[in-house]
Amino acid sequence: MSTLPGNVSVIRTDKETIIHVDGKFSFGLHRQFRDAYRHEISDRKKQKRFVVDLSKTEFIDSSALGMLIVLREEAGTREQQIELAHAHPQIRKVLEEASFQRLFQIT
């Protein structure tokens, strides 16, 4: 499997914000990833649920894990739920080795 350059896209509904991370999830995506959720977190009337869709994520590194922690910290102060969804087995293994199942709902 070749690792594609990373890309972040967002779908917003009335109930949730879905952040899709495609390809390589690493430091190069920090600005795109932050921008994907920042407005919803700052506006208390917005969604209370975030889904980070990892179905097309081919690679994840420690920078990406840090970005997920920052999302949790920023959203957590406003009681917003975060789900890490559809991770491939190798990505799920990284998340579990980092004990992310204690911090996030992983589906």
N, C-alpha and C. Protein backbone atom coordinates (compact mmCIF):
# COMPACT_ATOMS: atom_id res chain seq x y z
N MET A 1 0.84 -1.17 0.00
CA MET A 1 0.00 0.00 0.00
C MET A 1 0.89 1.24 0.00
N SER A 2 0.72 2.11 -0.94
CA SER A 2 1.48 3.35 -0.97
C SER A 2 0.80 4.39 -0.10
N THR A 3 1.61 5.17 0.58
CA THR A 3 1.04 6.18 1.45
C THR A 3 0.84 7.47 0.66
N LEU A 4 -0.40 7.88 0.56
CA LEU A 4 -0.74 9.09 -0.17
C LEU A 4 -0.48 10.31 0.69
N PRO A 5 -0.19 11.47 0.06
CA PRO A 5 -0.11 12.69 0.86
C PRO A 5 -1.43 12.89 1.58
N GLY A 6 -1.38 13.47 2.74
CA GLY A 6 -2.58 13.63 3.54
C GLY A 6 -3.51 14.71 3.05
N ASN A 7 -4.77 14.53 3.38
CA ASN A 7 -5.79 15.51 3.06
C ASN A 7 -6.89 15.43 4.11
N VAL A 8 -7.45 16.59 4.45
CA VAL A 8 -8.55 16.65 5.41
C VAL A 8 -9.75 17.27 4.71
N SER A 9 -10.91 16.64 4.86
CA SER A 9 -12.16 17.22 4.37
C SER A 9 -13.19 17.12 5.48
N VAL A 10 -14.20 17.97 5.40
CA VAL A 10 -15.18 18.07 6.48
C VAL A 10 -16.59 18.02 5.93
N ILE A 11 -17.45 17.31 6.64
CA ILE A 11 -18.89 17.32 6.37
C ILE A 11 -19.56 17.75 7.67
N ARG A 12 -20.37 18.78 7.58
CA ARG A 12 -21.09 19.27 8.75
C ARG A 12 -22.57 19.00 8.58
N THR A 13 -23.18 18.42 9.59
CA THR A 13 -24.63 18.24 9.62
C THR A 13 -25.16 18.99 10.84
N ASP A 14 -26.45 18.93 11.04
CA ASP A 14 -27.03 19.59 12.21
C ASP A 14 -26.56 18.97 13.52
N LYS A 15 -26.18 17.71 13.48
CA LYS A 15 -25.86 17.00 14.71
C LYS A 15 -24.38 16.74 14.94
N GLU A 16 -23.59 16.74 13.86
CA GLU A 16 -22.19 16.38 14.03
C GLU A 16 -21.31 16.97 12.94
N THR A 17 -20.03 16.98 13.25
CA THR A 17 -19.01 17.36 12.28
C THR A 17 -18.18 16.11 12.02
N ILE A 18 -18.09 15.71 10.75
CA ILE A 18 -17.31 14.54 10.37
C ILE A 18 -16.05 15.03 9.68
N ILE A 19 -14.91 14.67 10.24
CA ILE A 19 -13.61 15.06 9.69
C ILE A 19 -13.00 13.82 9.05
N HIS A 20 -12.83 13.86 7.74
CA HIS A 20 -12.22 12.75 7.00
C HIS A 20 -10.72 13.04 6.85
N VAL A 21 -9.91 12.07 7.24
CA VAL A 21 -8.46 12.19 7.07
C VAL A 21 -8.03 11.11 6.09
N ASP A 22 -7.55 11.54 4.93
CA ASP A 22 -7.15 10.60 3.87
C ASP A 22 -5.63 10.56 3.77
N GLY A 23 -5.10 9.38 3.45
CA GLY A 23 -3.67 9.25 3.21
C GLY A 23 -2.85 9.30 4.48
N LYS A 24 -1.83 10.13 4.47
CA LYS A 24 -0.87 10.23 5.57
C LYS A 24 -1.33 11.28 6.58
N PHE A 25 -1.60 10.86 7.81
CA PHE A 25 -2.03 11.75 8.88
C PHE A 25 -0.80 12.06 9.72
N SER A 26 -0.20 13.22 9.45
CA SER A 26 1.03 13.61 10.12
C SER A 26 1.06 15.13 10.30
N PHE A 27 2.19 15.65 10.75
CA PHE A 27 2.31 17.07 11.06
C PHE A 27 1.92 17.98 9.90
N GLY A 28 2.14 17.55 8.68
CA GLY A 28 1.80 18.36 7.52
C GLY A 28 0.32 18.72 7.44
N LEU A 29 -0.51 18.01 8.18
CA LEU A 29 -1.96 18.28 8.16
C LEU A 29 -2.44 19.10 9.35
N HIS A 30 -1.52 19.55 10.21
CA HIS A 30 -1.98 20.19 11.45
C HIS A 30 -2.88 21.39 11.21
N ARG A 31 -2.57 22.22 10.24
CA ARG A 31 -3.40 23.41 9.99
C ARG A 31 -4.78 23.01 9.44
N GLN A 32 -4.79 22.11 8.45
CA GLN A 32 -6.07 21.64 7.88
C GLN A 32 -6.94 20.98 8.95
N PHE A 33 -6.32 20.15 9.78
CA PHE A 33 -7.06 19.43 10.81
C PHE A 33 -7.64 20.40 11.83
N ARG A 34 -6.83 21.32 12.31
CA ARG A 34 -7.30 22.32 13.28
C ARG A 34 -8.43 23.16 12.71
N ASP A 35 -8.27 23.60 11.48
CA ASP A 35 -9.30 24.42 10.84
C ASP A 35 -10.61 23.66 10.67
N ALA A 36 -10.53 22.34 10.57
CA ALA A 36 -11.72 21.52 10.37
C ALA A 36 -12.67 21.56 11.56
N TYR A 37 -12.14 21.78 12.76
CA TYR A 37 -13.01 21.77 13.94
C TYR A 37 -13.05 23.08 14.72
N ARG A 38 -12.15 23.98 14.47
CA ARG A 38 -12.01 25.17 15.32
C ARG A 38 -13.30 25.99 15.42
N HIS A 39 -13.98 26.25 14.31
CA HIS A 39 -15.17 27.09 14.34
C HIS A 39 -16.28 26.45 15.17
N GLU A 40 -16.46 25.14 15.02
CA GLU A 40 -17.52 24.46 15.77
C GLU A 40 -17.24 24.46 17.27
N ILE A 41 -15.98 24.36 17.64
CA ILE A 41 -15.64 24.37 19.06
C ILE A 41 -15.84 25.76 19.65
N SER A 42 -15.51 26.78 18.89
CA SER A 42 -15.62 28.14 19.42
C SER A 42 -17.07 28.61 19.51
N ASP A 43 -17.96 28.02 18.74
CA ASP A 43 -19.36 28.42 18.75
C ASP A 43 -20.16 27.41 19.58
N ARG A 44 -20.54 27.78 20.77
CA ARG A 44 -21.23 26.86 21.69
C ARG A 44 -22.56 26.34 21.16
N LYS A 45 -23.11 26.99 20.16
CA LYS A 45 -24.40 26.55 19.61
C LYS A 45 -24.22 25.49 18.53
N LYS A 46 -23.00 25.20 18.17
CA LYS A 46 -22.74 24.23 17.11
C LYS A 46 -22.81 22.80 17.64
N GLN A 47 -22.36 21.88 16.82
CA GLN A 47 -22.43 20.45 17.12
C GLN A 47 -21.74 20.11 18.44
N LYS A 48 -22.26 19.07 19.06
CA LYS A 48 -21.63 18.55 20.26
C LYS A 48 -20.93 17.23 19.98
N ARG A 49 -20.83 16.86 18.72
CA ARG A 49 -20.23 15.56 18.38
C ARG A 49 -19.30 15.73 17.19
N PHE A 50 -18.12 15.16 17.33
CA PHE A 50 -17.15 15.11 16.24
C PHE A 50 -16.85 13.66 15.92
N VAL A 51 -16.79 13.34 14.65
CA VAL A 51 -16.36 12.02 14.20
C VAL A 51 -15.13 12.23 13.33
N VAL A 52 -14.02 11.60 13.71
CA VAL A 52 -12.82 11.62 12.88
C VAL A 52 -12.83 10.30 12.12
N ASP A 53 -13.13 10.38 10.83
CA ASP A 53 -13.24 9.20 9.97
C ASP A 53 -11.85 8.84 9.46
N LEU A 54 -11.36 7.70 9.91
CA LEU A 54 -10.02 7.24 9.55
C LEU A 54 -10.06 6.12 8.51
N SER A 55 -11.17 5.95 7.83
CA SER A 55 -11.32 4.84 6.88
C SER A 55 -10.35 4.92 5.71
N LYS A 56 -9.91 6.11 5.36
CA LYS A 56 -8.97 6.26 4.24
C LYS A 56 -7.59 6.71 4.72
N THR A 57 -7.35 6.61 6.03
CA THR A 57 -6.04 6.95 6.59
C THR A 57 -5.12 5.75 6.43
N GLU A 58 -3.98 5.96 5.78
CA GLU A 58 -3.04 4.88 5.53
C GLU A 58 -1.87 4.87 6.51
N PHE A 59 -1.64 6.00 7.16
CA PHE A 59 -0.49 6.15 8.05
C PHE A 59 -0.84 7.17 9.11
N ILE A 60 -0.40 6.92 10.33
CA ILE A 60 -0.61 7.89 11.42
C ILE A 60 0.67 7.93 12.24
N ASP A 61 1.11 9.15 12.61
CA ASP A 61 2.32 9.26 13.41
C ASP A 61 2.03 9.97 14.72
N SER A 62 3.07 10.18 15.52
CA SER A 62 2.89 10.79 16.83
C SER A 62 2.37 12.22 16.75
N SER A 63 2.68 12.93 15.69
CA SER A 63 2.14 14.28 15.52
C SER A 63 0.63 14.23 15.39
N ALA A 64 0.13 13.27 14.64
CA ALA A 64 -1.32 13.11 14.47
C ALA A 64 -1.97 12.74 15.80
N LEU A 65 -1.32 11.87 16.57
CA LEU A 65 -1.87 11.52 17.88
C LEU A 65 -1.97 12.77 18.75
N GLY A 66 -0.95 13.62 18.66
CA GLY A 66 -0.98 14.88 19.39
C GLY A 66 -2.11 15.78 18.94
N MET A 67 -2.38 15.82 17.64
CA MET A 67 -3.48 16.64 17.12
C MET A 67 -4.82 16.14 17.65
N LEU A 68 -4.97 14.83 17.75
CA LEU A 68 -6.21 14.27 18.29
C LEU A 68 -6.37 14.64 19.77
N ILE A 69 -5.26 14.64 20.51
CA ILE A 69 -5.30 15.03 21.92
C ILE A 69 -5.71 16.50 22.05
N VAL A 70 -5.17 17.35 21.19
CA VAL A 70 -5.53 18.77 21.22
C VAL A 70 -7.02 18.93 20.93
N LEU A 71 -7.53 18.22 19.93
CA LEU A 71 -8.96 18.25 19.64
C LEU A 71 -9.75 17.85 20.88
N ARG A 72 -9.34 16.79 21.53
CA ARG A 72 -10.04 16.33 22.74
C ARG A 72 -10.01 17.38 23.83
N GLU A 73 -8.84 17.98 24.04
CA GLU A 73 -8.72 19.00 25.09
C GLU A 73 -9.61 20.20 24.79
N GLU A 74 -9.59 20.66 23.56
CA GLU A 74 -10.39 21.84 23.19
C GLU A 74 -11.88 21.52 23.20
N ALA A 75 -12.25 20.38 22.70
CA ALA A 75 -13.67 20.00 22.68
C ALA A 75 -14.16 19.57 24.05
N GLY A 76 -13.30 18.93 24.81
CA GLY A 76 -13.68 18.42 26.11
C GLY A 76 -14.10 19.48 27.09
N THR A 77 -13.53 20.66 26.96
CA THR A 77 -13.92 21.74 27.86
C THR A 77 -15.33 22.20 27.60
N ARG A 78 -15.88 21.80 26.46
CA ARG A 78 -17.25 22.18 26.10
C ARG A 78 -18.16 20.95 26.01
N GLU A 79 -17.70 19.84 26.56
CA GLU A 79 -18.49 18.61 26.63
C GLU A 79 -18.92 18.09 25.26
N GLN A 80 -18.06 18.21 24.29
CA GLN A 80 -18.36 17.69 22.96
C GLN A 80 -17.78 16.28 22.83
N GLN A 81 -18.53 15.38 22.23
CA GLN A 81 -18.11 13.99 22.07
C GLN A 81 -17.21 13.85 20.85
N ILE A 82 -16.24 12.94 20.95
CA ILE A 82 -15.33 12.67 19.83
C ILE A 82 -15.26 11.17 19.61
N GLU A 83 -15.48 10.78 18.37
CA GLU A 83 -15.39 9.37 17.98
C GLU A 83 -14.32 9.23 16.91
N LEU A 84 -13.45 8.24 17.06
CA LEU A 84 -12.49 7.88 16.02
C LEU A 84 -13.08 6.67 15.32
N ALA A 85 -13.42 6.82 14.05
CA ALA A 85 -14.22 5.81 13.37
C ALA A 85 -13.50 5.16 12.19
N HIS A 86 -13.80 3.90 11.98
CA HIS A 86 -13.45 3.15 10.77
C HIS A 86 -11.94 3.02 10.53
N ALA A 87 -11.15 2.96 11.59
CA ALA A 87 -9.71 2.82 11.42
C ALA A 87 -9.36 1.42 10.92
N HIS A 88 -8.44 1.35 9.97
CA HIS A 88 -7.91 0.07 9.51
C HIS A 88 -7.15 -0.59 10.66
N PRO A 89 -6.97 -1.90 10.62
CA PRO A 89 -6.32 -2.61 11.73
C PRO A 89 -4.97 -2.03 12.15
N GLN A 90 -4.13 -1.64 11.20
CA GLN A 90 -2.82 -1.11 11.57
C GLN A 90 -2.94 0.26 12.25
N ILE A 91 -3.91 1.06 11.85
CA ILE A 91 -4.14 2.36 12.49
C ILE A 91 -4.76 2.14 13.87
N ARG A 92 -5.70 1.23 13.95
CA ARG A 92 -6.33 0.91 15.24
C ARG A 92 -5.30 0.41 16.24
N LYS A 93 -4.34 -0.37 15.77
CA LYS A 93 -3.29 -0.89 16.64
C LYS A 93 -2.48 0.26 17.24
N VAL A 94 -2.13 1.25 16.42
CA VAL A 94 -1.39 2.41 16.92
C VAL A 94 -2.22 3.14 17.98
N LEU A 95 -3.50 3.34 17.70
CA LEU A 95 -4.38 4.02 18.66
C LEU A 95 -4.46 3.25 19.98
N GLU A 96 -4.57 1.94 19.89
CA GLU A 96 -4.67 1.12 21.10
C GLU A 96 -3.35 1.08 21.86
N GLU A 97 -2.22 1.04 21.15
CA GLU A 97 -0.93 1.07 21.82
C GLU A 97 -0.71 2.38 22.56
N ALA A 98 -1.33 3.44 22.08
CA ALA A 98 -1.26 4.74 22.74
C ALA A 98 -2.36 4.91 23.79
N SER A 99 -3.12 3.85 24.04
CA SER A 99 -4.23 3.84 25.01
C SER A 99 -5.31 4.87 24.70
N PHE A 100 -5.54 5.11 23.42
CA PHE A 100 -6.55 6.09 23.02
C PHE A 100 -7.97 5.61 23.31
N GLN A 101 -8.16 4.32 23.52
CA GLN A 101 -9.49 3.83 23.86
C GLN A 101 -9.94 4.38 25.21
N ARG A 102 -9.02 4.85 26.04
CA ARG A 102 -9.39 5.49 27.30
C ARG A 102 -9.86 6.92 27.11
N LEU A 103 -9.44 7.53 26.01
CA LEU A 103 -9.71 8.95 25.77
C LEU A 103 -10.81 9.21 24.77
N PHE A 104 -11.00 8.27 23.85
CA PHE A 104 -11.93 8.45 22.74
C PHE A 104 -12.81 7.22 22.60
N GLN A 105 -13.93 7.42 21.97
CA GLN A 105 -14.74 6.28 21.54
C GLN A 105 -14.15 5.84 20.21
N ILE A 106 -13.70 4.58 20.11
CA ILE A 106 -13.11 4.06 18.88
C ILE A 106 -14.08 3.03 18.32
N THR A 107 -14.56 3.29 17.09
CA THR A 107 -15.52 2.37 16.48
C THR A 107 -15.01 1.86 15.15
